[in-house]
C-alpha atoms as a PDB file:
ATOM      1  CA  MET A   1       2.060  62.619  15.198  1.00  0.00           C
ATOM      2  CA  ALA A   2       2.908  58.896  15.224  1.00  0.00           C
ATOM      3  CA  ASN A   3       6.441  57.757  14.469  1.00  0.00           C
ATOM      4  CA  VAL A   4       6.153  56.151  11.034  1.00  0.00           C
ATOM      5  CA  GLY A   5       9.561  54.452  11.232  1.00  0.00           C
ATOM      6  CA  GLY A   6       8.785  52.567  14.450  1.00  0.00           C
ATOM      7  CA  LYS A   7      10.102  53.219  17.936  1.00  0.00           C
ATOM      8  CA  PRO A   8      11.781  56.635  18.308  1.00  0.00           C
ATOM      9  CA  PRO A   9      15.565  56.545  18.763  1.00  0.00           C
ATOM     10  CA  LYS A  10      16.865  56.432  22.327  1.00  0.00           C
ATOM     11  CA  TYR A  11      19.373  59.211  21.578  1.00  0.00           C
ATOM     12  CA  LYS A  12      18.893  62.183  19.288  1.00  0.00           C
ATOM     13  CA  SER A  13      22.583  63.012  18.818  1.00  0.00           C
ATOM     14  CA  LYS A  14      26.028  61.553  19.276  1.00  0.00           C
ATOM     15  CA  GLU A  15      26.806  64.319  21.802  1.00  0.00           C
ATOM     16  CA  GLU A  16      23.910  63.135  23.984  1.00  0.00           C
ATOM     17  CA  ILE A  17      25.105  59.522  24.017  1.00  0.00           C
ATOM     18  CA  GLN A  18      28.739  60.653  24.500  1.00  0.00           C
ATOM     19  CA  GLN A  19      27.720  62.443  27.723  1.00  0.00           C
ATOM     20  CA  LYS A  20      26.243  59.205  29.087  1.00  0.00           C
ATOM     21  CA  ILE A  21      29.315  57.236  27.984  1.00  0.00           C
ATOM     22  CA  ASP A  22      31.666  59.675  29.746  1.00  0.00           C
ATOM     23  CA  GLN A  23      29.543  59.449  32.909  1.00  0.00           C
ATOM     24  CA  TYR A  24      29.722  55.635  32.811  1.00  0.00           C
ATOM     25  CA  PHE A  25      33.527  55.619  32.637  1.00  0.00           C
ATOM     26  CA  GLU A  26      33.726  58.241  35.394  1.00  0.00           C
ATOM     27  CA  ASP A  27      31.447  56.115  37.606  1.00  0.00           C
ATOM     28  CA  CYS A  28      33.684  53.084  36.985  1.00  0.00           C
ATOM     29  CA  LYS A  29      36.610  54.897  38.621  1.00  0.00           C
ATOM     30  CA  GLY A  30      34.870  54.953  41.998  1.00  0.00           C
ATOM     31  CA  GLU A  31      35.766  57.518  44.658  1.00  0.00           C
ATOM     32  CA  PRO A  32      38.568  57.773  47.181  1.00  0.00           C
ATOM     33  CA  LEU A  33      38.023  56.494  50.702  1.00  0.00           C
ATOM     34  CA  ILE A  34      38.164  59.509  53.004  1.00  0.00           C
ATOM     35  CA  GLY A  35      39.705  59.161  56.456  1.00  0.00           C
ATOM     36  CA  ALA A  36      38.560  60.815  59.701  1.00  0.00           C
ATOM     37  CA  ASP A  37      40.891  63.725  58.979  1.00  0.00           C
ATOM     38  CA  GLY A  38      39.076  64.463  55.701  1.00  0.00           C
ATOM     39  CA  ASN A  39      41.984  63.318  53.515  1.00  0.00           C
ATOM     40  CA  PRO A  40      41.965  60.357  51.121  1.00  0.00           C
ATOM     41  CA  MET A  41      43.340  57.181  52.685  1.00  0.00           C
ATOM     42  CA  LEU A  42      46.387  55.743  50.891  1.00  0.00           C
ATOM     43  CA  ASP A  43      47.587  52.196  50.319  1.00  0.00           C
ATOM     44  CA  LYS A  44      51.167  51.050  50.989  1.00  0.00           C
ATOM     45  CA  TRP A  45      52.272  52.471  47.598  1.00  0.00           C
ATOM     46  CA  GLN A  46      50.742  55.856  48.441  1.00  0.00           C
ATOM     47  CA  ASN A  47      47.873  55.474  45.968  1.00  0.00           C
ATOM     48  CA  PRO A  48      44.383  56.541  47.106  1.00  0.00           C
ATOM     49  CA  ILE A  49      42.173  53.641  48.206  1.00  0.00           C
ATOM     50  CA  MET A  50      39.155  53.675  45.896  1.00  0.00           C
ATOM     51  CA  ILE A  51      35.689  52.451  46.828  1.00  0.00           C
ATOM     52  CA  GLY A  52      32.898  51.679  44.404  1.00  0.00           C
ATOM     53  CA  GLN A  53      35.472  51.064  41.672  1.00  0.00           C
ATOM     54  CA  LYS A  54      34.347  48.634  38.989  1.00  0.00           C
ATOM     55  CA  PRO A  55      35.820  47.438  35.693  1.00  0.00           C
ATOM     56  CA  PRO A  56      34.270  48.902  32.560  1.00  0.00           C
ATOM     57  CA  THR A  57      32.444  46.233  30.560  1.00  0.00           C
ATOM     58  CA  VAL A  58      30.387  46.172  27.387  1.00  0.00           C
ATOM     59  CA  THR A  59      27.313  45.000  29.315  1.00  0.00           C
ATOM     60  CA  GLY A  60      27.866  47.637  32.000  1.00  0.00           C
ATOM     61  CA  LEU A  61      28.128  50.289  29.282  1.00  0.00           C
ATOM     62  CA  ALA A  62      24.924  49.030  27.656  1.00  0.00           C
ATOM     63  CA  LEU A  63      23.012  49.170  30.940  1.00  0.00           C
ATOM     64  CA  ALA A  64      24.378  52.641  31.797  1.00  0.00           C
ATOM     65  CA  LEU A  65      23.132  53.861  28.413  1.00  0.00           C
ATOM     66  CA  GLY A  66      19.656  52.519  29.141  1.00  0.00           C
ATOM     67  CA  PHE A  67      19.726  49.489  26.851  1.00  0.00           C
ATOM     68  CA  THR A  68      18.328  46.136  27.938  1.00  0.00           C
ATOM     69  CA  GLY A  69      21.659  44.412  27.409  1.00  0.00           C
ATOM     70  CA  ARG A  70      24.849  43.988  25.446  1.00  0.00           C
ATOM     71  CA  GLN A  71      23.161  42.910  22.202  1.00  0.00           C
ATOM     72  CA  ALA A  72      20.874  45.956  22.190  1.00  0.00           C
ATOM     73  CA  LEU A  73      23.978  48.177  22.382  1.00  0.00           C
ATOM     74  CA  LEU A  74      25.586  46.269  19.514  1.00  0.00           C
ATOM     75  CA  ASN A  75      22.417  46.722  17.454  1.00  0.00           C
ATOM     76  CA  TYR A  76      22.413  50.466  18.201  1.00  0.00           C
ATOM     77  CA  GLN A  77      26.076  50.634  17.164  1.00  0.00           C
ATOM     78  CA  ALA A  78      24.943  49.707  13.643  1.00  0.00           C
ATOM     79  CA  LYS A  79      23.200  53.094  13.309  1.00  0.00           C
ATOM     80  CA  LYS A  80      25.328  55.273  11.059  1.00  0.00           C
ATOM     81  CA  GLU A  81      25.280  58.366  13.296  1.00  0.00           C
ATOM     82  CA  PHE A  82      26.393  56.439  16.426  1.00  0.00           C
ATOM     83  CA  VAL A  83      28.852  53.889  15.034  1.00  0.00           C
ATOM     84  CA  ASP A  84      32.006  55.921  15.803  1.00  0.00           C
ATOM     85  CA  THR A  85      30.870  57.016  19.267  1.00  0.00           C
ATOM     86  CA  ILE A  86      29.915  53.513  20.425  1.00  0.00           C
ATOM     87  CA  THR A  87      32.953  51.914  18.766  1.00  0.00           C
ATOM     88  CA  ARG A  88      35.240  54.344  20.597  1.00  0.00           C
ATOM     89  CA  ALA A  89      33.503  53.540  23.926  1.00  0.00           C
ATOM     90  CA  LYS A  90      33.873  49.801  23.284  1.00  0.00           C
ATOM     91  CA  SER A  91      37.549  50.398  22.464  1.00  0.00           C
ATOM     92  CA  ARG A  92      37.975  51.959  25.916  1.00  0.00           C
ATOM     93  CA  VAL A  93      36.477  48.833  27.477  1.00  0.00           C
ATOM     94  CA  GLU A  94      38.730  46.675  25.286  1.00  0.00           C
ATOM     95  CA  GLU A  95      41.802  48.723  26.314  1.00  0.00           C
ATOM     96  CA  TYR A  96      40.993  48.188  29.984  1.00  0.00           C
ATOM     97  CA  ALA A  97      40.597  44.425  29.478  1.00  0.00           C
ATOM     98  CA  GLU A  98      43.779  44.290  27.425  1.00  0.00           C
ATOM     99  CA  SER A  99      45.744  46.053  30.176  1.00  0.00           C
ATOM    100  CA  ARG A 100      44.496  43.443  32.667  1.00  0.00           C
ATOM    101  CA  LEU A 101      46.199  40.692  30.647  1.00  0.00           C
ATOM    102  CA  PHE A 102      49.458  41.741  32.299  1.00  0.00           C
ATOM    103  CA  ASP A 103      48.066  41.558  35.805  1.00  0.00           C
ATOM    104  CA  ARG A 104      47.982  38.211  37.547  1.00  0.00           C
ATOM    105  CA  ASP A 105      44.614  38.762  39.220  1.00  0.00           C
ATOM    106  CA  GLY A 106      42.682  39.932  36.171  1.00  0.00           C
ATOM    107  CA  SER A 107      44.124  38.041  33.239  1.00  0.00           C
ATOM    108  CA  ASN A 108      41.537  35.203  33.092  1.00  0.00           C
ATOM    109  CA  GLY A 109      38.587  37.575  33.164  1.00  0.00           C
ATOM    110  CA  ALA A 110      40.288  39.850  30.653  1.00  0.00           C
ATOM    111  CA  GLN A 111      40.894  36.946  28.274  1.00  0.00           C
ATOM    112  CA  PHE A 112      37.250  35.887  28.546  1.00  0.00           C
ATOM    113  CA  SER A 113      36.016  39.418  27.880  1.00  0.00           C
ATOM    114  CA  LEU A 114      38.332  39.978  24.938  1.00  0.00           C
ATOM    115  CA  ARG A 115      37.471  36.657  23.311  1.00  0.00           C
ATOM    116  CA  ASN A 116      33.736  37.121  23.666  1.00  0.00           C
ATOM    117  CA  ASN A 117      33.280  40.867  23.129  1.00  0.00           C
ATOM    118  CA  PHE A 118      35.898  41.922  20.600  1.00  0.00           C
ATOM    119  CA  LYS A 119      36.899  40.712  17.147  1.00  0.00           C
ATOM    120  CA  GLY A 120      40.359  39.345  16.555  1.00  0.00           C
ATOM    121  CA  TRP A 121      40.994  37.996  20.075  1.00  0.00           C
ATOM    122  CA  ASN A 122      39.565  34.500  19.660  1.00  0.00           C
ATOM    123  CA  ASP A 123      42.253  32.621  17.750  1.00  0.00           C
ATOM    124  CA  THR A 124      40.955  29.156  18.584  1.00  0.00           C
ATOM    125  CA  GLU A 125      37.411  30.013  17.484  1.00  0.00           C
ATOM    126  CA  GLU A 126      38.670  31.512  14.220  1.00  0.00           C
ATOM    127  CA  LYS A 127      40.862  28.460  13.574  1.00  0.00           C
ATOM    128  CA  ARG A 128      37.943  26.151  14.349  1.00  0.00           C
ATOM    129  CA  LEU A 129      35.714  28.057  11.932  1.00  0.00           C
ATOM    130  CA  GLU A 130      38.416  27.967   9.251  1.00  0.00           C
ATOM    131  CA  ASN A 131      38.784  24.190   9.740  1.00  0.00           C
ATOM    132  CA  GLU A 132      35.010  23.778   9.478  1.00  0.00           C
ATOM    133  CA  ARG A 133      34.988  25.807   6.252  1.00  0.00           C
ATOM    134  CA  GLU A 134      37.770  23.629   4.830  1.00  0.00           C
ATOM    135  CA  LYS A 135      35.921  20.438   5.828  1.00  0.00           C
ATOM    136  CA  LEU A 136      32.706  21.702   4.227  1.00  0.00           C
ATOM    137  CA  SER A 137      34.570  22.658   1.072  1.00  0.00           C
ATOM    138  CA  LEU A 138      36.181  19.206   0.856  1.00  0.00           C
ATOM    139  CA  GLU A 139      32.841  17.501   1.522  1.00  0.00           C
ATOM    140  CA  ARG A 140      31.184  19.576  -1.185  1.00  0.00           C
ATOM    141  CA  ARG A 141      33.875  18.606  -3.706  1.00  0.00           C
ATOM    142  CA  LYS A 142      33.334  14.945  -2.798  1.00  0.00           C
ATOM    143  CA  VAL A 143      29.580  15.277  -3.252  1.00  0.00           C
ATOM    144  CA  ASP A 144      30.009  17.127  -6.566  1.00  0.00           C
ATOM    145  CA  SER A 145      32.375  14.412  -7.775  1.00  0.00           C
ATOM    146  CA  GLN A 146      29.977  11.666  -6.684  1.00  0.00           C
ATOM    147  CA  ILE A 147      27.079  13.389  -8.438  1.00  0.00           C
ATOM    148  CA  LYS A 148      29.093  13.605 -11.658  1.00  0.00           C
ATOM    149  CA  GLU A 149      30.142   9.978 -11.319  1.00  0.00           C
ATOM    150  CA  ASP A 150      26.589   8.811 -10.559  1.00  0.00           C
ATOM    151  CA  SER A 151      25.224  10.946 -13.363  1.00  0.00           C
ATOM    152  CA  GLY A 152      27.734   9.408 -15.776  1.00  0.00           C
ATOM    153  CA  ASP A 153      26.762   5.863 -14.725  1.00  0.00           C
ATOM    154  CA  LYS A 154      23.074   6.652 -14.988  1.00  0.00           C
ATOM    155  CA  LEU A 155      23.577   8.329 -18.346  1.00  0.00           C
ATOM    156  CA  ASP A 156      25.417   5.253 -19.663  1.00  0.00           C
ATOM    157  CA  LYS A 157      22.557   3.030 -18.472  1.00  0.00           C
ATOM    158  CA  ILE A 158      19.971   5.277 -20.100  1.00  0.00           C
ATOM    159  CA  LEU A 159      21.905   5.237 -23.378  1.00  0.00           C
ATOM    160  CA  GLN A 160      22.159   1.450 -23.291  1.00  0.00           C
ATOM    161  CA  ASN A 161      18.425   1.183 -22.690  1.00  0.00           C
ATOM    162  CA  MET A 162      17.777   3.570 -25.565  1.00  0.00           C
ATOM    163  CA  ASP A 163      20.003   1.491 -27.881  1.00  0.00           C
ATOM    164  CA  THR A 164      18.125  -1.676 -26.890  1.00  0.00           C
ATOM    165  CA  LEU A 165      14.798   0.028 -27.467  1.00  0.00           C
ATOM    166  CA  TYR A 166      15.998   1.325 -30.816  1.00  0.00           C
ATOM    167  CA  GLU A 167      17.020  -2.177 -31.878  1.00  0.00           C
ATOM    168  CA  ARG A 168      13.622  -3.541 -30.934  1.00  0.00           C
ATOM    169  CA  LEU A 169      11.792  -0.799 -32.731  1.00  0.00           C
ATOM    170  CA  LYS A 170      13.850  -1.068 -35.905  1.00  0.00           C
ATOM    171  CA  PRO A 171      11.596  -1.335 -38.899  1.00  0.00           C
ATOM    172  CA  VAL A 172      11.311  -4.807 -40.379  1.00  0.00           C
ATOM    173  CA  PRO A 173      11.964  -4.938 -44.179  1.00  0.00           C
ATOM    174  CA  ASN A 174       8.926  -5.378 -46.384  1.00  0.00           C
ATOM    175  CA  ARG A 175       8.404  -9.031 -47.002  1.00  0.00           C
ATOM    176  CA  ASP A 176       5.669 -10.847 -48.611  1.00  0.00           C
ATOM    177  CA  ILE A 177       4.068 -13.773 -47.001  1.00  0.00           C
ATOM    178  CA  GLU A 178       5.311 -15.846 -49.895  1.00  0.00           C
ATOM    179  CA  ASP A 179       8.862 -15.333 -48.719  1.00  0.00           C
ATOM    180  CA  PHE A 180       8.032 -17.444 -45.662  1.00  0.00           C
ATOM    181  CA  GLU A 181       6.237 -20.323 -47.375  1.00  0.00           C
END
């Protein structure tokens, strides 16, 4: 039977997509580098050295879920049954980026990601949009005022023309020709 509503959904349940999301975040962690002795190699702070580690990103999440890109994931997030699951996954990406703000090496990339992928992080853009809205509002008031002013001037001219026309069309009193002789 053909799918009447269009293309069938990529995921049938939120549990199915959650499995893929969990796998993506697990893959982002990478794996420890194993030494010749079979034990994980450690850095100078005694933390395991990780290889294949990558930062979680919205685009990376979208690709891991089989979408063509970031926007396709955002579109899928609009589906009622997946909104919470995808929002929670994006919040994990946001949390990672936010934590990088305090780290000298990752703060620029984190700022870029937060400003472009998450609401509420782009103060300058929001201020610019607010200024644009104020400018448009002011411009509209000016235009409205000018229209009223122009309309008033035009109306006055029309009324004057009507008065002149009325005067010209005023009936002439009945007079006999004898009155003029």
